């Protein structure tokens, strides 16, 4: 990879070899993920609002009410709310 600076902008030139190396790494990572048992795959510790609504089978308004009444805590990053998977499971009684 070749880098050089032009006034206030850095330009990086990516070679065919760089792309080939990236492709091989990406394919190896994908193969590794698919070769794992279902139990070995990482479990997502955080869920987005859409996922929580789907799991609980509730509307956006009901999810907001759970959040406002603090029955289900969330962490907000930017405009997105994230919920701990364990909190959603507790709400379900699992």
Protein backbone atom coordinates (compact mmCIF):
# COMPACT_ATOMS: atom_id res chain seq x y z
CA UNK A 1 0.00 0.00 0.00
CA UNK A 2 1.35 3.40 -0.94
CA UNK A 3 0.46 6.55 0.99
CA UNK A 4 1.22 10.13 0.16
CA UNK A 5 -0.13 13.46 1.31
CA UNK A 6 -1.60 16.13 -0.94
CA UNK A 7 -2.04 19.48 0.78
CA UNK A 8 -4.75 18.65 3.35
CA UNK A 9 -5.73 15.21 2.07
CA UNK A 10 -4.05 11.84 2.49
CA UNK A 11 -4.40 9.50 -0.45
CA UNK A 12 -3.98 5.73 -0.11
CA UNK A 13 -3.45 3.56 -3.13
CA UNK A 14 -4.67 0.01 -2.68
CA UNK A 15 -3.00 -2.55 -4.87
CA UNK A 16 -4.43 -5.74 -6.36
CA UNK A 17 -2.25 -7.67 -3.90
CA UNK A 18 -3.83 -5.77 -0.98
CA UNK A 19 -7.29 -6.69 -2.23
CA UNK A 20 -6.28 -10.31 -2.76
CA UNK A 21 -4.90 -10.54 0.79
CA UNK A 22 -8.10 -9.00 2.19
CA UNK A 23 -10.27 -11.41 0.16
CA UNK A 24 -8.37 -14.45 1.44
CA UNK A 25 -8.61 -13.24 5.07
CA UNK A 26 -12.33 -12.55 4.70
CA UNK A 27 -13.04 -15.97 3.18
CA UNK A 28 -11.06 -17.71 5.91
CA UNK A 29 -13.00 -15.81 8.60
CA UNK A 30 -16.32 -16.74 7.01
CA UNK A 31 -15.30 -20.42 6.72
CA UNK A 32 -14.31 -20.41 10.40
CA UNK A 33 -17.66 -18.98 11.47
CA UNK A 34 -19.64 -21.53 9.45
CA UNK A 35 -17.52 -24.43 10.67
CA UNK A 36 -18.39 -23.68 14.32
CA UNK A 37 -21.16 -25.50 16.12
CA UNK A 38 -24.23 -23.41 16.82
CA UNK A 39 -23.29 -23.35 20.53
CA UNK A 40 -19.79 -22.08 19.78
CA UNK A 41 -21.00 -19.02 17.85
CA UNK A 42 -20.98 -15.83 19.84
CA UNK A 43 -24.30 -14.90 21.38
CA UNK A 44 -25.28 -11.27 20.91
CA UNK A 45 -25.39 -9.66 24.35
CA UNK A 46 -27.25 -6.57 23.07
CA UNK A 47 -30.45 -6.38 21.03
CA UNK A 48 -31.87 -3.51 18.99
CA UNK A 49 -35.45 -2.29 19.41
CA UNK A 50 -36.73 -4.15 16.36
CA UNK A 51 -35.32 -7.44 17.67
CA UNK A 52 -36.83 -6.90 21.13
CA UNK A 53 -40.24 -6.05 19.65
CA UNK A 54 -40.10 -9.20 17.56
CA UNK A 55 -39.12 -11.41 20.54
CA UNK A 56 -41.80 -9.92 22.80
CA UNK A 57 -44.34 -9.51 19.96
CA UNK A 58 -45.10 -5.91 20.97
CA UNK A 59 -45.53 -2.56 19.24
CA UNK A 60 -43.03 0.32 19.30
CA UNK A 61 -45.33 2.18 21.73
CA UNK A 62 -45.43 -0.74 24.16
CA UNK A 63 -41.64 -1.01 24.06
CA UNK A 64 -41.39 2.72 24.78
CA UNK A 65 -43.77 2.30 27.73
CA UNK A 66 -41.60 -0.53 29.12
CA UNK A 67 -38.57 1.72 28.76
CA UNK A 68 -40.23 4.79 30.37
CA UNK A 69 -41.57 2.76 33.31
CA UNK A 70 -38.09 1.20 33.66
CA UNK A 71 -39.44 -2.33 33.35
CA UNK A 72 -36.89 -2.77 30.56
CA UNK A 73 -33.72 -0.69 30.68
CA UNK A 74 -31.94 0.40 27.53
CA UNK A 75 -28.73 2.08 26.50
CA UNK A 76 -29.01 4.74 23.84
CA UNK A 77 -26.24 5.23 21.32
CA UNK A 78 -27.00 7.96 18.85
CA UNK A 79 -30.66 7.49 17.98
CA UNK A 80 -30.72 3.74 18.65
CA UNK A 81 -31.79 1.96 21.82
CA UNK A 82 -30.01 -1.27 22.77
CA UNK A 83 -31.29 -3.76 25.33
CA UNK A 84 -29.41 -6.44 27.24
CA UNK A 85 -30.51 -9.86 26.07
CA UNK A 86 -30.61 -11.09 29.68
CA UNK A 87 -33.01 -8.26 30.63
CA UNK A 88 -35.37 -9.25 27.82
CA UNK A 89 -35.19 -12.88 28.96
CA UNK A 90 -35.97 -11.83 32.55
CA UNK A 91 -39.01 -9.94 31.29
CA UNK A 92 -40.16 -13.11 29.54
CA UNK A 93 -39.59 -15.10 32.72
CA UNK A 94 -36.85 -17.33 31.27
